[in-house]
Amino acid sequence: MTKILCIESSARSDGLTATLAKECLAGAAEAGAQTEFVQLKDLRLERCRMCDGQGNGTTHCMFQLERLLQAVGAFVLDLVPAAKRNRDYKGQVARLAGAALARLAASGVRPGK
């Protein structure tokens, strides 16, 4: 069975980021994957300071995280930055991305190979 781990970093359990992460996992589960959801706020970690008055923190952090993940050989399907104004359709995008990720993982095909 395909397993997908979501590591979510928002400070709010019911915020936009957590909601989209859960939509992504819902799509993956609907496509047959076993999912796990980890919220970093529940762990004893130093918080991110990128968004403190610097603006565009989300997209910058996502870009840096993508670079790190690719450096260690991880596959990044998509980046889905969202705001309150586009929450509804970004939730649909996240759900579709989760389903696509689960199908891709289950196929055994390594992206980029």
C-alpha atoms as a PDB file:
ATOM      1  CA  MET A   1       0.000   0.000   0.000  1.00  0.00           C
ATOM      2  CA  THR A   2       1.185   3.496  -0.800  1.00  0.00           C
ATOM      3  CA  LYS A   3       1.925   5.622   2.243  1.00  0.00           C
ATOM      4  CA  ILE A   4       1.885   9.420   2.176  1.00  0.00           C
ATOM      5  CA  LEU A   5       3.121  11.581   5.026  1.00  0.00           C
ATOM      6  CA  CYS A   6       2.021  15.196   5.310  1.00  0.00           C
ATOM      7  CA  ILE A   7       4.134  17.457   7.518  1.00  0.00           C
ATOM      8  CA  GLU A   8       2.091  20.600   8.139  1.00  0.00           C
ATOM      9  CA  SER A   9       3.651  23.719   9.625  1.00  0.00           C
ATOM     10  CA  SER A  10       0.869  26.173  10.409  1.00  0.00           C
ATOM     11  CA  ALA A  11       0.389  27.498  13.923  1.00  0.00           C
ATOM     12  CA  ARG A  12      -3.390  27.048  13.564  1.00  0.00           C
ATOM     13  CA  SER A  13      -4.961  23.583  13.495  1.00  0.00           C
ATOM     14  CA  ASP A  14      -8.032  24.879  11.651  1.00  0.00           C
ATOM     15  CA  GLY A  15      -6.274  27.470   9.474  1.00  0.00           C
ATOM     16  CA  LEU A  16      -5.918  27.621   5.717  1.00  0.00           C
ATOM     17  CA  THR A  17      -2.663  25.674   5.541  1.00  0.00           C
ATOM     18  CA  ALA A  18      -3.951  22.844   7.724  1.00  0.00           C
ATOM     19  CA  THR A  19      -7.221  22.729   5.789  1.00  0.00           C
ATOM     20  CA  LEU A  20      -5.427  22.419   2.437  1.00  0.00           C
ATOM     21  CA  ALA A  21      -3.065  19.786   3.828  1.00  0.00           C
ATOM     22  CA  LYS A  22      -6.050  17.755   5.011  1.00  0.00           C
ATOM     23  CA  GLU A  23      -7.699  18.131   1.568  1.00  0.00           C
ATOM     24  CA  CYS A  24      -4.524  16.813  -0.047  1.00  0.00           C
ATOM     25  CA  LEU A  25      -4.533  13.791   2.259  1.00  0.00           C
ATOM     26  CA  ALA A  26      -8.240  13.244   1.642  1.00  0.00           C
ATOM     27  CA  GLY A  27      -7.556  13.065  -2.091  1.00  0.00           C
ATOM     28  CA  ALA A  28      -4.687  10.657  -1.497  1.00  0.00           C
ATOM     29  CA  ALA A  29      -6.850   8.463   0.743  1.00  0.00           C
ATOM     30  CA  GLU A  30      -9.647   8.452  -1.851  1.00  0.00           C
ATOM     31  CA  ALA A  31      -7.064   7.227  -4.375  1.00  0.00           C
ATOM     32  CA  GLY A  32      -6.162   4.338  -2.067  1.00  0.00           C
ATOM     33  CA  ALA A  33      -3.158   5.622  -0.116  1.00  0.00           C
ATOM     34  CA  GLN A  34      -2.567   5.243   3.594  1.00  0.00           C
ATOM     35  CA  THR A  35      -2.000   8.726   5.009  1.00  0.00           C
ATOM     36  CA  GLU A  36      -0.458  10.280   8.085  1.00  0.00           C
ATOM     37  CA  PHE A  37      -0.759  13.887   9.234  1.00  0.00           C
ATOM     38  CA  VAL A  38       1.907  15.496  11.447  1.00  0.00           C
ATOM     39  CA  GLN A  39       1.528  19.046  12.702  1.00  0.00           C
ATOM     40  CA  LEU A  40       4.842  20.649  13.558  1.00  0.00           C
ATOM     41  CA  LYS A  41       3.108  22.931  16.058  1.00  0.00           C
ATOM     42  CA  ASP A  42       2.548  19.880  18.245  1.00  0.00           C
ATOM     43  CA  LEU A  43       6.301  19.282  18.444  1.00  0.00           C
ATOM     44  CA  ARG A  44       8.878  21.268  20.393  1.00  0.00           C
ATOM     45  CA  LEU A  45      10.456  23.172  17.488  1.00  0.00           C
ATOM     46  CA  GLU A  46      11.456  26.792  17.002  1.00  0.00           C
ATOM     47  CA  ARG A  47       8.842  28.620  14.926  1.00  0.00           C
ATOM     48  CA  CYS A  48       9.420  29.971  11.416  1.00  0.00           C
ATOM     49  CA  ARG A  49      10.126  33.685  11.285  1.00  0.00           C
ATOM     50  CA  MET A  50       9.906  34.149   7.524  1.00  0.00           C
ATOM     51  CA  CYS A  51       6.445  35.741   7.604  1.00  0.00           C
ATOM     52  CA  ASP A  52       7.162  38.287  10.365  1.00  0.00           C
ATOM     53  CA  GLY A  53       6.790  41.489   8.340  1.00  0.00           C
ATOM     54  CA  GLN A  54       8.812  40.229   5.293  1.00  0.00           C
ATOM     55  CA  GLY A  55       5.839  39.548   3.038  1.00  0.00           C
ATOM     56  CA  ASN A  56       5.678  36.710   0.504  1.00  0.00           C
ATOM     57  CA  GLY A  57       6.957  34.356   3.202  1.00  0.00           C
ATOM     58  CA  THR A  58       4.860  31.397   2.104  1.00  0.00           C
ATOM     59  CA  THR A  59       6.095  31.253  -1.476  1.00  0.00           C
ATOM     60  CA  HIS A  60       9.712  31.873  -0.440  1.00  0.00           C
ATOM     61  CA  CYS A  61       9.545  29.098   2.171  1.00  0.00           C
ATOM     62  CA  MET A  62       7.895  26.722  -0.308  1.00  0.00           C
ATOM     63  CA  PHE A  63      10.633  27.383  -2.863  1.00  0.00           C
ATOM     64  CA  GLN A  64      13.387  26.760  -0.301  1.00  0.00           C
ATOM     65  CA  LEU A  65      11.684  23.596   0.956  1.00  0.00           C
ATOM     66  CA  GLU A  66      11.294  22.303  -2.599  1.00  0.00           C
ATOM     67  CA  ARG A  67      15.029  22.827  -3.211  1.00  0.00           C
ATOM     68  CA  LEU A  68      15.882  20.971   0.003  1.00  0.00           C
ATOM     69  CA  LEU A  69      13.562  18.062  -0.784  1.00  0.00           C
ATOM     70  CA  GLN A  70      14.918  17.722  -4.314  1.00  0.00           C
ATOM     71  CA  ALA A  71      18.485  17.746  -2.966  1.00  0.00           C
ATOM     72  CA  VAL A  72      17.724  14.649  -0.887  1.00  0.00           C
ATOM     73  CA  GLY A  73      15.982  12.896  -3.770  1.00  0.00           C
ATOM     74  CA  ALA A  74      12.357  13.545  -2.808  1.00  0.00           C
ATOM     75  CA  PHE A  75       9.722  14.152  -5.473  1.00  0.00           C
ATOM     76  CA  VAL A  76       7.700  17.356  -5.216  1.00  0.00           C
ATOM     77  CA  LEU A  77       4.450  17.083  -7.165  1.00  0.00           C
ATOM     78  CA  ASP A  78       3.268  20.657  -6.790  1.00  0.00           C
ATOM     79  CA  LEU A  79       3.435  23.813  -4.722  1.00  0.00           C
ATOM     80  CA  VAL A  80       0.020  25.155  -3.738  1.00  0.00           C
ATOM     81  CA  PRO A  81       0.300  28.562  -2.069  1.00  0.00           C
ATOM     82  CA  ALA A  82      -3.068  29.836  -0.920  1.00  0.00           C
ATOM     83  CA  ALA A  83      -4.760  32.835   0.623  1.00  0.00           C
ATOM     84  CA  LYS A  84      -8.165  33.345   2.198  1.00  0.00           C
ATOM     85  CA  ARG A  85      -9.498  34.809  -1.046  1.00  0.00           C
ATOM     86  CA  ASN A  86      -8.752  31.644  -3.056  1.00  0.00           C
ATOM     87  CA  ARG A  87      -9.294  29.065  -0.317  1.00  0.00           C
ATOM     88  CA  ASP A  88     -12.167  27.239  -2.014  1.00  0.00           C
ATOM     89  CA  TYR A  89     -10.541  26.440  -5.315  1.00  0.00           C
ATOM     90  CA  LYS A  90      -7.081  25.892  -3.809  1.00  0.00           C
ATOM     91  CA  GLY A  91      -8.706  23.265  -1.561  1.00  0.00           C
ATOM     92  CA  GLN A  92      -9.888  21.489  -4.700  1.00  0.00           C
ATOM     93  CA  VAL A  93      -6.387  21.776  -6.187  1.00  0.00           C
ATOM     94  CA  ALA A  94      -4.875  20.285  -3.010  1.00  0.00           C
ATOM     95  CA  ARG A  95      -7.330  17.360  -3.080  1.00  0.00           C
ATOM     96  CA  LEU A  96      -6.542  16.660  -6.747  1.00  0.00           C
ATOM     97  CA  ALA A  97      -2.805  16.874  -6.010  1.00  0.00           C
ATOM     98  CA  GLY A  98      -3.146  14.363  -3.182  1.00  0.00           C
ATOM     99  CA  ALA A  99      -4.999  11.920  -5.408  1.00  0.00           C
ATOM    100  CA  ALA A 100      -2.440  12.345  -8.193  1.00  0.00           C
ATOM    101  CA  LEU A 101       0.424  11.803  -5.743  1.00  0.00           C
ATOM    102  CA  ALA A 102      -1.162   8.615  -4.417  1.00  0.00           C
ATOM    103  CA  ARG A 103      -1.765   7.248  -7.932  1.00  0.00           C
ATOM    104  CA  LEU A 104       1.782   8.103  -8.997  1.00  0.00           C
ATOM    105  CA  ALA A 105       3.298   6.473  -5.904  1.00  0.00           C
ATOM    106  CA  ALA A 106       1.133   3.370  -6.328  1.00  0.00           C
ATOM    107  CA  SER A 107       2.248   3.003  -9.951  1.00  0.00           C
ATOM    108  CA  GLY A 108       5.837   2.525  -8.822  1.00  0.00           C
ATOM    109  CA  VAL A 109       7.086   5.047 -11.361  1.00  0.00           C
ATOM    110  CA  ARG A 110       9.789   7.352 -10.027  1.00  0.00           C
ATOM    111  CA  PRO A 111       9.172  10.831 -11.453  1.00  0.00           C
ATOM    112  CA  GLY A 112      12.060  12.209 -13.433  1.00  0.00           C
ATOM    113  CA  LYS A 113      13.457   8.762 -14.208  1.00  0.00           C
END
